[in-house]
Amino acid sequence: MDDTKEIVVNTATVLVLAGVLMASGAGAAEPAWDGKKLYRYTNEHGVQVLDDLVPPRYVAGGYEVLTPSGRVLQVVEPELSGKQLEEKRRREAREAADLKLLKRYNSVADIESARKRKLAIVEQDMAILRSNIASLQRQIESEESVAARTQRNGGTVSADLLERIADLRTEVSVVQERLTLREEEALSINDEFDQAASRYQEIAGNQP
């Protein structure tokens, strides 16, 4: 049974090759196509096979659809493996990011201007937070001074005063956390724009 199929495959191959040679001759026109299709794929031995169908086990390896005269109607690419698919997605993501970068900026100078604008907002917020912390610290010092004076005079510091001092210290901690986050954001912005400027130079340098 296998020997018979091999003979059929070889015969079909000869017919297609003959059709290609005839069509490539000077002034030769391709014979009228009757809609019949042939399929060319590679088997497990690395041999190209021509047949009227693609066995399911070879579909993943890709194949070509041809007319009997040898004209390629369609090329079905091989299915990608997990690693190949992951690499393709990374490449497509990088290409999309590059295109977005080129659309957003016209030069490295544009990138630096955008960096300054974005940092200015964060730095303004950080300045306000630092001012708030300084103000709270002054209030704490003032309240602690009152408490110390009371103790020096032999009095007892009121629970309300101690609570106010504790609340002020808690507020300082909260504002300090916000300041730390904004400082980290400033570092992230600088890193983001450093990468954008570097990548833009790479892309611009590779463009004709």
N, C-alpha and C. Protein backbone atom coordinates (compact mmCIF):
# COMPACT_ATOMS: atom_id res chain seq x y z
N MET A 1 0.84 -1.20 0.00
CA MET A 1 0.00 0.00 0.00
C MET A 1 0.87 1.24 0.00
N ASP A 2 1.93 1.31 0.84
CA ASP A 2 2.82 2.46 0.92
C ASP A 2 3.57 2.66 -0.39
N ASP A 3 3.99 1.54 -1.05
CA ASP A 3 4.70 1.67 -2.33
C ASP A 3 3.81 2.28 -3.39
N THR A 4 2.54 1.91 -3.42
CA THR A 4 1.61 2.45 -4.42
C THR A 4 1.45 3.93 -4.24
N LYS A 5 1.32 4.39 -2.99
CA LYS A 5 1.13 5.83 -2.72
C LYS A 5 2.35 6.60 -3.14
N GLU A 6 3.56 6.04 -2.92
CA GLU A 6 4.78 6.72 -3.29
C GLU A 6 4.85 6.93 -4.79
N ILE A 7 4.39 5.96 -5.57
CA ILE A 7 4.37 6.09 -7.03
C ILE A 7 3.40 7.19 -7.44
N VAL A 8 2.24 7.26 -6.79
CA VAL A 8 1.26 8.30 -7.11
C VAL A 8 1.83 9.67 -6.81
N VAL A 9 2.50 9.79 -5.68
CA VAL A 9 3.08 11.07 -5.30
C VAL A 9 4.12 11.49 -6.31
N ASN A 10 4.99 10.56 -6.69
CA ASN A 10 6.04 10.90 -7.64
C ASN A 10 5.47 11.30 -8.99
N THR A 11 4.41 10.61 -9.42
CA THR A 11 3.76 10.95 -10.69
C THR A 11 3.17 12.34 -10.64
N ALA A 12 2.52 12.66 -9.55
CA ALA A 12 1.93 13.99 -9.41
C ALA A 12 3.01 15.05 -9.44
N THR A 13 4.14 14.75 -8.82
CA THR A 13 5.24 15.71 -8.81
C THR A 13 5.74 15.96 -10.22
N VAL A 14 5.88 14.90 -10.99
CA VAL A 14 6.33 15.04 -12.37
C VAL A 14 5.36 15.89 -13.17
N LEU A 15 4.07 15.66 -12.98
CA LEU A 15 3.07 16.43 -13.71
C LEU A 15 3.16 17.91 -13.38
N VAL A 16 3.31 18.23 -12.08
CA VAL A 16 3.42 19.62 -11.69
C VAL A 16 4.65 20.26 -12.27
N LEU A 17 5.78 19.57 -12.19
CA LEU A 17 7.03 20.12 -12.74
C LEU A 17 6.90 20.34 -14.24
N ALA A 18 6.25 19.44 -14.91
CA ALA A 18 6.05 19.60 -16.35
C ALA A 18 5.21 20.82 -16.64
N GLY A 19 4.16 21.01 -15.81
CA GLY A 19 3.31 22.18 -16.00
C GLY A 19 4.06 23.47 -15.77
N VAL A 20 4.94 23.48 -14.76
CA VAL A 20 5.73 24.68 -14.48
C VAL A 20 6.64 24.99 -15.65
N LEU A 21 7.30 23.97 -16.18
CA LEU A 21 8.21 24.19 -17.31
C LEU A 21 7.47 24.69 -18.54
N MET A 22 6.28 24.16 -18.78
CA MET A 22 5.50 24.61 -19.92
C MET A 22 5.06 26.06 -19.75
N ALA A 23 4.65 26.41 -18.50
CA ALA A 23 4.17 27.76 -18.25
C ALA A 23 5.29 28.78 -18.31
N SER A 24 6.53 28.33 -18.04
CA SER A 24 7.65 29.27 -18.03
C SER A 24 8.25 29.46 -19.41
N GLY A 25 7.79 28.74 -20.40
CA GLY A 25 8.31 28.90 -21.75
C GLY A 25 7.90 30.23 -22.35
N ALA A 26 8.66 30.70 -23.33
CA ALA A 26 8.40 32.01 -23.94
C ALA A 26 7.00 32.04 -24.53
N GLY A 27 6.22 33.03 -24.09
CA GLY A 27 4.88 33.23 -24.63
C GLY A 27 3.87 32.21 -24.15
N ALA A 28 4.26 31.29 -23.27
CA ALA A 28 3.33 30.25 -22.82
C ALA A 28 2.37 30.82 -21.79
N ALA A 29 1.11 30.43 -21.87
CA ALA A 29 0.11 30.88 -20.92
C ALA A 29 -0.27 29.72 -20.01
N GLU A 30 -0.64 30.04 -18.79
CA GLU A 30 -1.03 28.99 -17.86
C GLU A 30 -2.35 28.37 -18.32
N PRO A 31 -2.43 27.02 -18.31
CA PRO A 31 -3.67 26.35 -18.70
C PRO A 31 -4.82 26.81 -17.80
N ALA A 32 -6.01 26.77 -18.32
CA ALA A 32 -7.18 27.16 -17.54
C ALA A 32 -7.28 26.30 -16.29
N TRP A 33 -7.45 26.95 -15.16
CA TRP A 33 -7.49 26.23 -13.89
C TRP A 33 -8.91 25.75 -13.64
N ASP A 34 -9.04 24.45 -13.36
CA ASP A 34 -10.36 23.86 -13.17
C ASP A 34 -10.77 23.82 -11.70
N GLY A 35 -9.97 24.47 -10.83
CA GLY A 35 -10.32 24.51 -9.41
C GLY A 35 -9.68 23.42 -8.59
N LYS A 36 -9.05 22.48 -9.22
CA LYS A 36 -8.40 21.39 -8.48
C LYS A 36 -7.18 21.95 -7.76
N LYS A 37 -6.97 21.48 -6.55
CA LYS A 37 -5.83 21.93 -5.75
C LYS A 37 -4.96 20.75 -5.36
N LEU A 38 -3.68 21.02 -5.27
CA LEU A 38 -2.72 20.06 -4.75
C LEU A 38 -2.03 20.68 -3.54
N TYR A 39 -1.50 19.82 -2.69
CA TYR A 39 -0.88 20.28 -1.46
C TYR A 39 0.55 19.75 -1.37
N ARG A 40 1.46 20.66 -1.04
CA ARG A 40 2.86 20.27 -0.91
C ARG A 40 3.28 20.47 0.55
N TYR A 41 3.78 19.39 1.16
CA TYR A 41 4.21 19.45 2.54
C TYR A 41 5.49 18.64 2.70
N THR A 42 6.10 18.73 3.86
CA THR A 42 7.33 17.98 4.13
C THR A 42 7.04 16.89 5.14
N ASN A 43 7.43 15.66 4.81
CA ASN A 43 7.14 14.55 5.72
C ASN A 43 8.21 14.43 6.80
N GLU A 44 8.09 13.38 7.62
CA GLU A 44 9.00 13.24 8.76
C GLU A 44 10.43 12.95 8.35
N HIS A 45 10.63 12.60 7.08
CA HIS A 45 11.98 12.32 6.58
C HIS A 45 12.61 13.55 5.92
N GLY A 46 11.89 14.69 5.98
CA GLY A 46 12.40 15.90 5.37
C GLY A 46 12.21 15.94 3.87
N VAL A 47 11.37 15.06 3.33
CA VAL A 47 11.12 14.99 1.88
C VAL A 47 9.83 15.73 1.55
N GLN A 48 9.86 16.60 0.52
CA GLN A 48 8.66 17.29 0.09
C GLN A 48 7.74 16.32 -0.64
N VAL A 49 6.48 16.34 -0.26
CA VAL A 49 5.49 15.44 -0.82
C VAL A 49 4.37 16.26 -1.45
N LEU A 50 3.90 15.83 -2.62
CA LEU A 50 2.78 16.48 -3.30
C LEU A 50 1.61 15.52 -3.28
N ASP A 51 0.46 15.98 -2.82
CA ASP A 51 -0.69 15.09 -2.70
C ASP A 51 -1.96 15.91 -2.81
N ASP A 52 -3.10 15.22 -2.87
CA ASP A 52 -4.37 15.94 -2.96
C ASP A 52 -4.94 16.26 -1.58
N LEU A 53 -4.20 15.97 -0.52
CA LEU A 53 -4.58 16.36 0.83
C LEU A 53 -3.33 16.36 1.70
N VAL A 54 -3.46 17.02 2.87
CA VAL A 54 -2.36 17.02 3.84
C VAL A 54 -2.79 16.16 5.02
N PRO A 55 -2.08 15.07 5.27
CA PRO A 55 -2.42 14.25 6.44
C PRO A 55 -2.39 15.10 7.71
N PRO A 56 -3.32 14.88 8.62
CA PRO A 56 -3.41 15.72 9.83
C PRO A 56 -2.09 15.86 10.58
N ARG A 57 -1.27 14.80 10.60
CA ARG A 57 -0.03 14.87 11.38
C ARG A 57 0.99 15.83 10.78
N TYR A 58 0.78 16.26 9.51
CA TYR A 58 1.73 17.17 8.87
C TYR A 58 1.22 18.62 8.81
N VAL A 59 -0.02 18.84 9.20
CA VAL A 59 -0.61 20.18 9.09
C VAL A 59 0.19 21.20 9.90
N ALA A 60 0.60 20.81 11.11
CA ALA A 60 1.33 21.74 11.97
C ALA A 60 2.66 22.18 11.37
N GLY A 61 3.19 21.35 10.47
CA GLY A 61 4.47 21.68 9.85
C GLY A 61 4.37 22.68 8.72
N GLY A 62 3.16 23.08 8.37
CA GLY A 62 2.97 24.03 7.28
C GLY A 62 2.90 23.32 5.94
N TYR A 63 2.31 24.01 4.96
CA TYR A 63 2.20 23.42 3.63
C TYR A 63 1.85 24.52 2.62
N GLU A 64 1.89 24.13 1.34
CA GLU A 64 1.53 25.05 0.26
C GLU A 64 0.36 24.49 -0.51
N VAL A 65 -0.48 25.38 -1.01
CA VAL A 65 -1.61 24.98 -1.86
C VAL A 65 -1.27 25.42 -3.28
N LEU A 66 -1.34 24.49 -4.22
CA LEU A 66 -0.95 24.77 -5.61
C LEU A 66 -2.03 24.37 -6.59
N THR A 67 -1.95 24.97 -7.78
CA THR A 67 -2.77 24.50 -8.90
C THR A 67 -2.02 23.34 -9.54
N PRO A 68 -2.69 22.54 -10.35
CA PRO A 68 -1.99 21.43 -11.03
C PRO A 68 -0.82 21.90 -11.89
N SER A 69 -0.84 23.16 -12.32
CA SER A 69 0.27 23.67 -13.14
C SER A 69 1.46 24.12 -12.29
N GLY A 70 1.28 24.12 -10.97
CA GLY A 70 2.38 24.48 -10.09
C GLY A 70 2.32 25.88 -9.53
N ARG A 71 1.27 26.65 -9.85
CA ARG A 71 1.16 28.00 -9.29
C ARG A 71 0.76 27.92 -7.82
N VAL A 72 1.48 28.64 -6.97
CA VAL A 72 1.21 28.63 -5.54
C VAL A 72 0.02 29.54 -5.24
N LEU A 73 -1.01 28.96 -4.66
CA LEU A 73 -2.21 29.72 -4.31
C LEU A 73 -2.15 30.25 -2.88
N GLN A 74 -1.54 29.48 -2.00
CA GLN A 74 -1.52 29.86 -0.59
C GLN A 74 -0.35 29.17 0.10
N VAL A 75 0.24 29.88 1.04
CA VAL A 75 1.30 29.30 1.87
C VAL A 75 0.82 29.33 3.32
N VAL A 76 0.69 28.18 3.92
CA VAL A 76 0.30 28.06 5.31
C VAL A 76 1.56 27.86 6.14
N GLU A 77 1.90 28.84 6.97
CA GLU A 77 3.13 28.79 7.75
C GLU A 77 3.05 27.70 8.83
N PRO A 78 4.20 27.14 9.20
CA PRO A 78 4.21 26.15 10.28
C PRO A 78 3.72 26.76 11.59
N GLU A 79 3.07 25.94 12.39
CA GLU A 79 2.65 26.41 13.71
C GLU A 79 3.87 26.59 14.59
N LEU A 80 3.86 27.63 15.42
CA LEU A 80 5.01 27.93 16.26
C LEU A 80 4.97 27.11 17.54
N SER A 81 6.15 26.75 18.02
CA SER A 81 6.24 26.07 19.30
C SER A 81 6.02 27.09 20.41
N GLY A 82 5.93 26.61 21.64
CA GLY A 82 5.72 27.53 22.76
C GLY A 82 6.79 28.59 22.85
N LYS A 83 8.06 28.19 22.71
CA LYS A 83 9.17 29.14 22.79
C LYS A 83 9.15 30.10 21.61
N GLN A 84 8.88 29.56 20.41
CA GLN A 84 8.83 30.41 19.22
C GLN A 84 7.68 31.41 19.30
N LEU A 85 6.54 30.95 19.82
CA LEU A 85 5.37 31.82 19.95
C LEU A 85 5.65 32.93 20.95
N GLU A 86 6.32 32.59 22.05
CA GLU A 86 6.68 33.60 23.05
C GLU A 86 7.63 34.63 22.45
N GLU A 87 8.59 34.17 21.66
CA GLU A 87 9.54 35.08 21.02
C GLU A 87 8.83 35.98 20.01
N LYS A 88 7.88 35.41 19.28
CA LYS A 88 7.12 36.20 18.30
C LYS A 88 6.33 37.30 19.01
N ARG A 89 5.70 36.95 20.11
CA ARG A 89 4.91 37.93 20.86
C ARG A 89 5.80 39.04 21.41
N ARG A 90 7.00 38.67 21.89
CA ARG A 90 7.94 39.68 22.38
C ARG A 90 8.36 40.62 21.26
N ARG A 91 8.62 40.02 20.09
CA ARG A 91 9.04 40.83 18.94
C ARG A 91 7.93 41.78 18.50
N GLU A 92 6.70 41.26 18.46
CA GLU A 92 5.57 42.09 18.06
C GLU A 92 5.32 43.21 19.08
N ALA A 93 5.48 42.89 20.37
CA ALA A 93 5.30 43.90 21.41
C ALA A 93 6.35 44.99 21.28
N ARG A 94 7.60 44.59 21.00
CA ARG A 94 8.67 45.57 20.83
C ARG A 94 8.41 46.45 19.60
N GLU A 95 7.97 45.83 18.51
CA GLU A 95 7.68 46.60 17.29
C GLU A 95 6.55 47.60 17.54
N ALA A 96 5.52 47.16 18.28
CA ALA A 96 4.40 48.06 18.59
C ALA A 96 4.88 49.21 19.47
N ALA A 97 5.75 48.90 20.44
CA ALA A 97 6.27 49.94 21.33
C ALA A 97 7.15 50.93 20.55
N ASP A 98 7.93 50.40 19.62
CA ASP A 98 8.78 51.27 18.80
C ASP A 98 7.94 52.21 17.94
N LEU A 99 6.89 51.66 17.36
CA LEU A 99 6.01 52.48 16.52
C LEU A 99 5.35 53.58 17.35
N LYS A 100 4.91 53.23 18.55
CA LYS A 100 4.29 54.21 19.45
C LYS A 100 5.29 55.30 19.84
N LEU A 101 6.53 54.89 20.06
CA LEU A 101 7.58 55.84 20.44
C LEU A 101 7.83 56.84 19.31
N LEU A 102 7.90 56.33 18.07
CA LEU A 102 8.17 57.20 16.92
C LEU A 102 7.00 58.14 16.64
N LYS A 103 5.78 57.68 16.92
CA LYS A 103 4.61 58.54 16.72
C LYS A 103 4.53 59.64 17.78
N ARG A 104 4.98 59.32 18.99
CA ARG A 104 4.85 60.27 20.10
C ARG A 104 5.92 61.35 20.06
N TYR A 105 7.13 61.00 19.65
CA TYR A 105 8.24 61.96 19.70
C TYR A 105 8.90 62.11 18.33
N ASN A 106 9.35 63.33 18.08
CA ASN A 106 10.04 63.62 16.82
C ASN A 106 11.55 63.64 16.97
N SER A 107 12.02 63.67 18.22
CA SER A 107 13.46 63.71 18.46
C SER A 107 13.73 63.38 19.92
N VAL A 108 15.02 63.19 20.23
CA VAL A 108 15.40 62.96 21.62
C VAL A 108 15.11 64.21 22.45
N ALA A 109 15.24 65.38 21.83
CA ALA A 109 14.92 66.64 22.53
C ALA A 109 13.47 66.66 22.97
N ASP A 110 12.57 66.13 22.15
CA ASP A 110 11.16 66.04 22.53
C ASP A 110 10.99 65.15 23.77
N ILE A 111 11.75 64.07 23.81
CA ILE A 111 11.67 63.14 24.94
C ILE A 111 12.14 63.84 26.21
N GLU A 112 13.22 64.59 26.11
CA GLU A 112 13.73 65.30 27.29
C GLU A 112 12.75 66.37 27.77
N SER A 113 12.09 67.04 26.84
CA SER A 113 11.09 68.04 27.22
C SER A 113 9.92 67.39 27.96
N ALA A 114 9.50 66.23 27.46
CA ALA A 114 8.41 65.50 28.12
C ALA A 114 8.83 65.05 29.51
N ARG A 115 10.09 64.64 29.64
CA ARG A 115 10.60 64.24 30.95
C ARG A 115 10.50 65.39 31.95
N LYS A 116 10.95 66.56 31.52
CA LYS A 116 10.94 67.73 32.41
C LYS A 116 9.52 68.10 32.84
N ARG A 117 8.59 68.02 31.89
CA ARG A 117 7.20 68.36 32.22
C ARG A 117 6.62 67.39 33.24
N LYS A 118 6.89 66.11 33.02
CA LYS A 118 6.34 65.10 33.92
C LYS A 118 6.99 65.18 35.30
N LEU A 119 8.29 65.40 35.32
CA LEU A 119 9.00 65.49 36.60
C LEU A 119 8.58 66.74 37.37
N ALA A 120 8.30 67.81 36.64
CA ALA A 120 7.92 69.07 37.30
C ALA A 120 6.69 68.89 38.17
N ILE A 121 5.72 68.10 37.67
CA ILE A 121 4.49 67.86 38.44
C ILE A 121 4.81 67.09 39.72
N VAL A 122 5.64 66.05 39.58
CA VAL A 122 5.98 65.23 40.75
C VAL A 122 6.82 66.02 41.74
N GLU A 123 7.76 66.79 41.23
CA GLU A 123 8.62 67.58 42.12
C GLU A 123 7.83 68.65 42.87
N GLN A 124 6.83 69.22 42.21
CA GLN A 124 5.99 70.20 42.89
C GLN A 124 5.23 69.54 44.04
N ASP A 125 4.72 68.35 43.78
CA ASP A 125 4.00 67.62 44.82
C ASP A 125 4.95 67.27 45.97
N MET A 126 6.19 66.86 45.64
CA MET A 126 7.15 66.53 46.68
C MET A 126 7.48 67.75 47.53
N ALA A 127 7.58 68.91 46.90
CA ALA A 127 7.87 70.14 47.64
C ALA A 127 6.75 70.45 48.64
N ILE A 128 5.52 70.25 48.21
CA ILE A 128 4.37 70.48 49.10
C ILE A 128 4.40 69.51 50.28
N LEU A 129 4.71 68.23 49.98
CA LEU A 129 4.75 67.23 51.04
C LEU A 129 5.87 67.53 52.04
N ARG A 130 7.02 67.95 51.54
CA ARG A 130 8.12 68.29 52.45
C ARG A 130 7.74 69.49 53.33
N SER A 131 7.05 70.46 52.73
CA SER A 131 6.60 71.62 53.50
C SER A 131 5.60 71.19 54.58
N ASN A 132 4.72 70.27 54.23
CA ASN A 132 3.75 69.77 55.22
C ASN A 132 4.45 69.06 56.37
N ILE A 133 5.46 68.27 56.03
CA ILE A 133 6.20 67.55 57.07
C ILE A 133 6.89 68.54 58.01
N ALA A 134 7.51 69.57 57.41
CA ALA A 134 8.19 70.58 58.22
C ALA A 134 7.21 71.29 59.15
N SER A 135 6.02 71.60 58.63
CA SER A 135 5.00 72.27 59.44
C SER A 135 4.54 71.37 60.59
N LEU A 136 4.34 70.09 60.29
CA LEU A 136 3.92 69.15 61.33
C LEU A 136 5.01 68.99 62.39
N GLN A 137 6.26 68.96 61.94
CA GLN A 137 7.36 68.83 62.89
C GLN A 137 7.42 70.04 63.83
N ARG A 138 7.16 71.21 63.29
CA ARG A 138 7.14 72.41 64.14
C ARG A 138 6.02 72.33 65.18
N GLN A 139 4.85 71.81 64.73
CA GLN A 139 3.74 71.67 65.66
C GLN A 139 4.08 70.68 66.77
N ILE A 140 4.75 69.60 66.38
CA ILE A 140 5.15 68.59 67.38
C ILE A 140 6.11 69.21 68.39
N GLU A 141 7.10 69.96 67.88
CA GLU A 141 8.07 70.61 68.77
C GLU A 141 7.38 71.57 69.73
N SER A 142 6.39 72.30 69.18
CA SER A 142 5.66 73.25 70.03
C SER A 142 4.89 72.53 71.12
N GLU A 143 4.19 71.46 70.76
CA GLU A 143 3.40 70.72 71.74
C GLU A 143 4.32 70.03 72.75
N GLU A 144 5.43 69.50 72.27
CA GLU A 144 6.37 68.84 73.18
C GLU A 144 6.99 69.87 74.15
N SER A 145 7.19 71.10 73.64
CA SER A 145 7.73 72.15 74.51
C SER A 145 6.75 72.47 75.64
N VAL A 146 5.47 72.49 75.29
CA VAL A 146 4.43 72.73 76.30
C VAL A 146 4.44 71.61 77.33
N ALA A 147 4.54 70.39 76.84
CA ALA A 147 4.53 69.23 77.74
C ALA A 147 5.75 69.27 78.66
N ALA A 148 6.92 69.63 78.11
CA ALA A 148 8.14 69.68 78.91
C ALA A 148 8.06 70.77 79.97
N ARG A 149 7.51 71.91 79.59
CA ARG A 149 7.38 73.01 80.55
C ARG A 149 6.43 72.63 81.70
N THR A 150 5.38 71.94 81.35
CA THR A 150 4.42 71.50 82.36
C THR A 150 5.10 70.57 83.36
N GLN A 151 5.90 69.66 82.83
CA GLN A 151 6.59 68.71 83.71
C GLN A 151 7.61 69.42 84.58
N ARG A 152 8.33 70.40 83.99
CA ARG A 152 9.33 71.13 84.78
C ARG A 152 8.67 71.90 85.93
N ASN A 153 7.46 72.34 85.69
CA ASN A 153 6.73 73.08 86.73
C ASN A 153 6.02 72.16 87.72
N GLY A 154 6.29 70.86 87.54
CA GLY A 154 5.71 69.90 88.48
C GLY A 154 4.30 69.49 88.17
N GLY A 155 3.82 69.89 86.99
CA GLY A 155 2.46 69.53 86.61
C GLY A 155 2.41 68.20 85.86
N THR A 156 1.21 67.77 85.56
CA THR A 156 0.99 66.53 84.81
C THR A 156 0.53 66.88 83.40
N VAL A 157 1.19 66.28 82.43
CA VAL A 157 0.83 66.53 81.03
C VAL A 157 -0.53 65.90 80.77
N SER A 158 -1.43 66.69 80.19
CA SER A 158 -2.79 66.20 79.95
C SER A 158 -2.82 65.12 78.88
N ALA A 159 -3.83 64.26 79.00
CA ALA A 159 -4.00 63.19 78.01
C ALA A 159 -4.28 63.77 76.63
N ASP A 160 -5.00 64.89 76.59
CA ASP A 160 -5.31 65.52 75.31
C ASP A 160 -4.03 65.97 74.60
N LEU A 161 -3.11 66.54 75.36
CA LEU A 161 -1.86 67.00 74.77
C LEU A 161 -1.04 65.83 74.25
N LEU A 162 -0.96 64.78 75.02
CA LEU A 162 -0.23 63.59 74.58
C LEU A 162 -0.86 62.98 73.33
N GLU A 163 -2.19 63.01 73.30
CA GLU A 163 -2.89 62.47 72.13
C GLU A 163 -2.63 63.32 70.89
N ARG A 164 -2.60 64.66 71.07
CA ARG A 164 -2.32 65.55 69.94
C ARG A 164 -0.91 65.28 69.38
N ILE A 165 0.03 65.10 70.28
CA ILE A 165 1.40 64.82 69.85
C ILE A 165 1.46 63.50 69.09
N ALA A 166 0.77 62.49 69.60
CA ALA A 166 0.75 61.18 68.95
C ALA A 166 0.11 61.27 67.56
N ASP A 167 -0.98 62.02 67.46
CA ASP A 167 -1.67 62.20 66.18
C ASP A 167 -0.78 62.91 65.17
N LEU A 168 -0.07 63.92 65.65
CA LEU A 168 0.83 64.66 64.75
C LEU A 168 1.95 63.75 64.23
N ARG A 169 2.49 62.93 65.10
CA ARG A 169 3.54 62.00 64.66
C ARG A 169 3.00 60.98 63.64
N THR A 170 1.77 60.53 63.87
CA THR A 170 1.15 59.60 62.91
C THR A 170 0.97 60.29 61.56
N GLU A 171 0.53 61.54 61.61
CA GLU A 171 0.34 62.29 60.36
C GLU A 171 1.65 62.49 59.64
N VAL A 172 2.72 62.72 60.38
CA VAL A 172 4.04 62.85 59.76
C VAL A 172 4.41 61.55 59.04
N SER A 173 4.15 60.43 59.67
CA SER A 173 4.47 59.13 59.06
C SER A 173 3.70 58.93 57.76
N VAL A 174 2.41 59.31 57.78
CA VAL A 174 1.57 59.16 56.59
C VAL A 174 2.10 60.03 55.45
N VAL A 175 2.40 61.30 55.77
CA VAL A 175 2.89 62.21 54.73
C VAL A 175 4.26 61.76 54.23
N GLN A 176 5.09 61.23 55.13
CA GLN A 176 6.42 60.74 54.73
C GLN A 176 6.30 59.57 53.76
N GLU A 177 5.33 58.70 54.01
CA GLU A 177 5.09 57.57 53.10
C GLU A 177 4.71 58.08 51.72
N ARG A 178 3.85 59.09 51.68
CA ARG A 178 3.45 59.67 50.39
C ARG A 178 4.65 60.29 49.70
N LEU A 179 5.50 60.95 50.47
CA LEU A 179 6.70 61.55 49.89
C LEU A 179 7.62 60.48 49.32
N THR A 180 7.78 59.38 50.05
CA THR A 180 8.63 58.28 49.57
C THR A 180 8.12 57.72 48.25
N LEU A 181 6.79 57.57 48.16
CA LEU A 181 6.19 57.06 46.92
C LEU A 181 6.46 58.01 45.76
N ARG A 182 6.35 59.31 46.02
CA ARG A 182 6.58 60.29 44.96
C ARG A 182 8.05 60.31 44.55
N GLU A 183 8.94 60.11 45.52
CA GLU A 183 10.37 60.05 45.19
C GLU A 183 10.67 58.82 44.33
N GLU A 184 10.03 57.71 44.65
CA GLU A 184 10.19 56.49 43.83
C GLU A 184 9.61 56.71 42.44
N GLU A 185 8.50 57.44 42.37
CA GLU A 185 7.89 57.75 41.07
C GLU A 185 8.83 58.59 40.22
N ALA A 186 9.52 59.54 40.85
CA ALA A 186 10.47 60.37 40.11
C ALA A 186 11.60 59.53 39.54
N LEU A 187 12.09 58.58 40.32
CA LEU A 187 13.13 57.67 39.84
C LEU A 187 12.62 56.83 38.67
N SER A 188 11.37 56.36 38.79
CA SER A 188 10.77 55.55 37.73
C SER A 188 10.60 56.36 36.44
N ILE A 189 10.20 57.62 36.60
CA ILE A 189 10.04 58.49 35.42
C ILE A 189 11.37 58.67 34.71
N ASN A 190 12.41 58.94 35.49
CA ASN A 190 13.74 59.11 34.90
C ASN A 190 14.19 57.85 34.17
N ASP A 191 13.94 56.70 34.79
CA ASP A 191 14.32 55.43 34.17
C ASP A 191 13.54 55.22 32.88
N GLU A 192 12.24 55.51 32.92
CA GLU A 192 11.38 55.35 31.74
C GLU A 192 11.88 56.21 30.58
N PHE A 193 12.20 57.47 30.86
CA PHE A 193 12.62 58.37 29.79
C PHE A 193 14.06 58.10 29.35
N ASP A 194 14.88 57.58 30.26
CA ASP A 194 16.23 57.15 29.85
C ASP A 194 16.13 56.04 28.80
N GLN A 195 15.25 55.07 29.07
CA GLN A 195 15.07 53.96 28.13
C GLN A 195 14.47 54.45 26.82
N ALA A 196 13.51 55.38 26.91
CA ALA A 196 12.87 55.91 25.70
C ALA A 196 13.89 56.64 24.83
N ALA A 197 14.73 57.46 25.45
CA ALA A 197 15.74 58.21 24.70
C ALA A 197 16.75 57.27 24.05
N SER A 198 17.18 56.26 24.82
CA SER A 198 18.15 55.30 24.30
C SER A 198 17.57 54.51 23.13
N ARG A 199 16.32 54.05 23.29
CA ARG A 199 15.69 53.26 22.23
C ARG A 199 15.43 54.12 21.01
N TYR A 200 15.04 55.37 21.22
CA TYR A 200 14.78 56.26 20.08
C TYR A 200 16.06 56.45 19.27
N GLN A 201 17.18 56.62 19.95
CA GLN A 201 18.45 56.78 19.24
C GLN A 201 18.79 55.53 18.43
N GLU A 202 18.48 54.35 19.00
CA GLU A 202 18.73 53.10 18.29
C GLU A 202 17.88 53.01 17.02
N ILE A 203 16.59 53.33 17.18
CA ILE A 203 15.68 53.24 16.03
C ILE A 203 16.07 54.26 14.97
N ALA A 204 16.29 55.50 15.40
CA ALA A 204 16.63 56.56 14.45
C ALA A 204 17.92 56.25 13.72
N GLY A 205 18.87 55.61 14.45
CA GLY A 205 20.14 55.27 13.83
C GLY A 205 20.02 54.16 12.79
N ASN A 206 18.98 53.32 12.95
CA ASN A 206 18.78 52.20 12.01
C ASN A 206 17.89 52.57 10.83
N GLN A 207 17.28 53.76 10.90
CA GLN A 207 16.40 54.15 9.80
C GLN A 207 17.21 54.70 8.64
N PRO A 208 16.78 54.43 7.39
CA PRO A 208 17.50 54.94 6.22
C PRO A 208 17.41 56.45 6.14
